[in-house]
């Protein structure tokens, strides 16, 4: 089985801006450069044949996505909680309209491939840190959010939709790009980072 998701990657200057936020909370597991992305659709554990079908549907969808590279900006920070404790810190992106529309189109494509629709509310963001439960109510978290509440950037475009495989390890997840599709006419052609074999 393959643990997959589809995402957009912010350009390097934006990722460097996000790195400047990554301190001030002892014990936080900050994301590295390869982990910074905006998820469009989490696919979960799928078998390689279904993964092939998903790729086929995204290939068919691609012509209707171009030119549609979302242009957004960083906007504020936030947290996700589980059972009353903060477990994730994130940076927001705005406006949501283009990303939400892309999420909806991609969701429809993967449903045609055989996955159930995504029933969760879609909130575009870039995950910055994972927190252990022992830190879930630390005053450092409130201080970090207060310090970075005014986060803002110049507008930037995310020009490729990328299929990633998530590999889970003892130190967290690392993400392997498998395929990508351009979202703008000048963003090149669809790329293959190595792909996957149907007999995996």
Protein backbone atom coordinates (compact mmCIF):
# COMPACT_ATOMS: atom_id res chain seq x y z
CA UNK A 1 0.00 0.00 0.00
CA UNK A 2 1.09 3.56 -0.73
CA UNK A 3 0.34 6.51 1.56
CA UNK A 4 -0.26 9.38 -0.87
CA UNK A 5 -1.34 13.01 -1.02
CA UNK A 6 -1.54 15.77 -3.62
CA UNK A 7 -0.07 19.16 -2.75
CA UNK A 8 1.36 22.48 -3.91
CA UNK A 9 4.84 23.65 -2.94
CA UNK A 10 5.57 27.28 -2.02
CA UNK A 11 8.57 28.89 -3.75
CA UNK A 12 11.93 29.07 -1.96
CA UNK A 13 11.64 32.69 -0.70
CA UNK A 14 8.35 31.82 1.00
CA UNK A 15 9.80 28.66 2.52
CA UNK A 16 12.72 30.70 3.86
CA UNK A 17 10.24 33.13 5.39
CA UNK A 18 8.51 30.21 7.10
CA UNK A 19 11.81 28.94 8.49
CA UNK A 20 12.18 32.23 10.34
CA UNK A 21 9.12 31.28 12.41
CA UNK A 22 10.48 27.93 13.53
CA UNK A 23 11.76 28.49 17.03
CA UNK A 24 10.65 29.45 20.51
CA UNK A 25 8.91 26.21 21.51
CA UNK A 26 11.11 23.61 23.15
CA UNK A 27 10.30 20.07 22.07
CA UNK A 28 8.44 21.08 18.90
CA UNK A 29 9.20 18.98 15.82
CA UNK A 30 9.63 21.66 13.18
CA UNK A 31 9.17 20.76 9.53
CA UNK A 32 12.15 20.67 7.21
CA UNK A 33 12.27 22.19 3.74
CA UNK A 34 11.04 19.07 1.95
CA UNK A 35 7.97 18.93 4.18
CA UNK A 36 6.63 22.42 3.48
CA UNK A 37 3.55 22.25 1.25
CA UNK A 38 -0.14 23.10 0.95
CA UNK A 39 -2.15 19.88 0.83
CA UNK A 40 -4.82 19.81 -1.86
CA UNK A 41 -6.11 16.28 -1.27
CA UNK A 42 -4.95 13.62 1.18
CA UNK A 43 -5.44 10.23 -0.46
CA UNK A 44 -4.41 7.93 2.39
CA UNK A 45 -3.37 4.32 1.97
CA UNK A 46 -4.08 3.14 -1.57
CA UNK A 47 -2.90 0.15 -3.55
CA UNK A 48 -0.66 0.79 -6.59
CA UNK A 49 -3.39 -0.05 -9.12
CA UNK A 50 -5.70 2.55 -7.61
CA UNK A 51 -2.77 4.98 -7.56
CA UNK A 52 -2.37 4.41 -11.31
CA UNK A 53 -6.08 5.17 -11.81
CA UNK A 54 -5.74 8.38 -9.77
CA UNK A 55 -2.81 9.48 -11.93
CA UNK A 56 -4.86 8.79 -15.05
CA UNK A 57 -7.72 10.96 -13.76
CA UNK A 58 -5.38 13.81 -12.83
CA UNK A 59 -3.83 13.57 -16.31
CA UNK A 60 -7.32 13.99 -17.77
CA UNK A 61 -8.06 16.86 -15.42
CA UNK A 62 -4.84 18.73 -16.14
CA UNK A 63 -6.05 20.51 -19.27
CA UNK A 64 -8.92 22.07 -17.32
CA UNK A 65 -6.50 23.25 -14.61
CA UNK A 66 -4.24 25.24 -16.95
CA UNK A 67 -3.87 28.19 -16.67
CA UNK A 68 -4.93 28.15 -13.02
CA UNK A 69 -1.81 28.39 -10.88
CA UNK A 70 -3.16 29.65 -7.54
CA UNK A 71 -1.72 32.98 -6.41
CA UNK A 72 -1.92 33.41 -2.66
CA UNK A 73 -0.08 35.03 0.25
CA UNK A 74 0.87 33.94 3.75
CA UNK A 75 -1.62 35.20 6.30
CA UNK A 76 -1.41 34.67 10.07
CA UNK A 77 -0.69 31.46 11.98
CA UNK A 78 -2.89 28.97 13.80
CA UNK A 79 -3.09 25.68 15.62
CA UNK A 80 -4.95 22.41 15.41
CA UNK A 81 -6.01 20.66 18.59
CA UNK A 82 -6.73 17.07 19.50
CA UNK A 83 -8.58 16.31 22.73
CA UNK A 84 -7.95 19.76 24.11
CA UNK A 85 -4.22 19.88 23.35
CA UNK A 86 -2.42 21.61 20.49
CA UNK A 87 -0.72 19.09 18.21
CA UNK A 88 0.00 21.16 15.08
CA UNK A 89 1.13 24.71 14.29
CA UNK A 90 0.53 26.14 10.84
CA UNK A 91 0.78 29.21 8.63
CA UNK A 92 -2.35 30.29 6.80
CA UNK A 93 -2.65 31.21 3.14
CA UNK A 94 -5.16 33.55 1.55
CA UNK A 95 -7.33 33.97 -0.49
CA UNK A 96 -8.94 30.55 -0.26
CA UNK A 97 -11.08 30.64 -3.41
CA UNK A 98 -8.56 29.33 -5.98
CA UNK A 99 -7.25 26.65 -3.63
CA UNK A 100 -10.74 25.54 -2.68
CA UNK A 101 -11.72 25.32 -6.35
CA UNK A 102 -8.61 23.24 -7.09
CA UNK A 103 -9.36 20.99 -4.10
CA UNK A 104 -12.89 20.44 -5.39
CA UNK A 105 -11.75 19.57 -8.93
CA UNK A 106 -9.06 17.20 -7.67
CA UNK A 107 -11.48 15.59 -5.24
CA UNK A 108 -13.92 14.92 -8.08
CA UNK A 109 -11.09 13.37 -10.12
CA UNK A 110 -9.97 11.01 -7.37
CA UNK A 111 -13.59 10.03 -6.69
CA UNK A 112 -13.86 9.02 -10.36
CA UNK A 113 -10.78 6.87 -9.79
CA UNK A 114 -12.48 5.04 -6.93
CA UNK A 115 -11.84 6.89 -3.66
CA UNK A 116 -14.67 8.19 -1.47
CA UNK A 117 -15.18 11.98 -1.49
CA UNK A 118 -13.39 14.13 1.07
CA UNK A 119 -16.01 15.06 3.69
CA UNK A 120 -13.73 17.26 5.80
CA UNK A 121 -13.82 21.05 5.67
CA UNK A 122 -10.92 22.28 3.55
CA UNK A 123 -8.61 24.82 5.24
CA UNK A 124 -5.51 25.65 3.15
CA UNK A 125 -2.37 25.94 5.30
CA UNK A 126 1.31 25.05 5.57
CA UNK A 127 2.12 22.83 8.54
CA UNK A 128 5.11 24.22 10.46
CA UNK A 129 5.42 21.96 13.51
CA UNK A 130 4.10 18.83 15.18
CA UNK A 131 3.86 18.97 18.97
CA UNK A 132 4.01 16.11 21.46
CA UNK A 133 1.06 15.82 23.84
CA UNK A 134 3.27 16.99 26.71
CA UNK A 135 3.46 20.44 25.07
CA UNK A 136 -0.21 20.69 24.17
CA UNK A 137 -1.05 23.36 26.75
CA UNK A 138 2.36 25.04 27.10
CA UNK A 139 2.31 28.85 27.46
CA UNK A 140 5.10 28.87 24.85
CA UNK A 141 2.47 28.00 22.25
CA UNK A 142 0.28 31.00 23.07
CA UNK A 143 3.37 33.21 23.02
CA UNK A 144 4.46 31.86 19.63
CA UNK A 145 1.01 32.46 18.11
CA UNK A 146 0.87 35.99 19.53
CA UNK A 147 4.33 36.84 18.13
CA UNK A 148 3.50 35.62 14.63
CA UNK A 149 -0.19 36.56 14.37
CA UNK A 150 0.69 39.34 11.91
CA UNK A 151 2.43 37.00 9.44
CA UNK A 152 1.99 38.28 5.88
CA UNK A 153 3.85 37.94 2.61
CA UNK A 154 3.77 39.29 -0.90
CA UNK A 155 1.58 37.26 -3.29
CA UNK A 156 3.18 34.16 -4.78
CA UNK A 157 2.13 31.50 -7.28
CA UNK A 158 2.32 27.73 -6.80
CA UNK A 159 2.80 26.40 -10.30
CA UNK A 160 2.73 22.60 -9.93
CA UNK A 161 0.43 20.01 -8.43
CA UNK A 162 2.61 17.23 -7.01
CA UNK A 163 1.78 13.68 -6.00
CA UNK A 164 3.75 12.73 -2.88
CA UNK A 165 4.28 9.47 -1.09
CA UNK A 166 4.47 9.82 2.69
CA UNK A 167 6.91 7.50 4.45
CA UNK A 168 6.41 7.12 8.19
CA UNK A 169 9.42 6.63 10.44
CA UNK A 170 10.44 6.89 14.06
CA UNK A 171 11.35 10.57 13.62
CA UNK A 172 8.16 11.46 11.77
CA UNK A 173 7.19 11.44 8.10
CA UNK A 174 9.26 12.25 5.05
CA UNK A 175 7.72 13.01 1.69
CA UNK A 176 8.84 11.66 -1.66
CA UNK A 177 7.62 13.50 -4.79
CA UNK A 178 6.45 10.99 -7.40
CA UNK A 179 4.76 12.98 -10.17
CA UNK A 180 3.87 16.58 -10.88
CA UNK A 181 1.56 18.47 -13.20
CA UNK A 182 2.00 22.12 -14.31
CA UNK A 183 -0.77 24.56 -13.40
CA UNK A 184 0.36 27.34 -15.71
CA UNK A 185 1.28 27.41 -19.42
CA UNK A 186 4.89 28.44 -18.72
CA UNK A 187 5.43 25.94 -15.88
CA UNK A 188 6.75 23.19 -18.14
CA UNK A 189 5.35 19.74 -18.73
CA UNK A 190 4.23 16.98 -16.42
CA UNK A 191 7.21 15.51 -14.59
CA UNK A 192 8.04 12.07 -13.27
CA UNK A 193 10.22 11.90 -10.16
CA UNK A 194 10.46 8.14 -10.32
CA UNK A 195 6.87 7.03 -9.99
CA UNK A 196 5.77 3.69 -8.61
CA UNK A 197 5.41 0.22 -10.00
CA UNK A 198 2.07 -1.51 -10.10
CA UNK A 199 3.56 -4.63 -8.56
CA UNK A 200 4.69 -2.91 -5.33
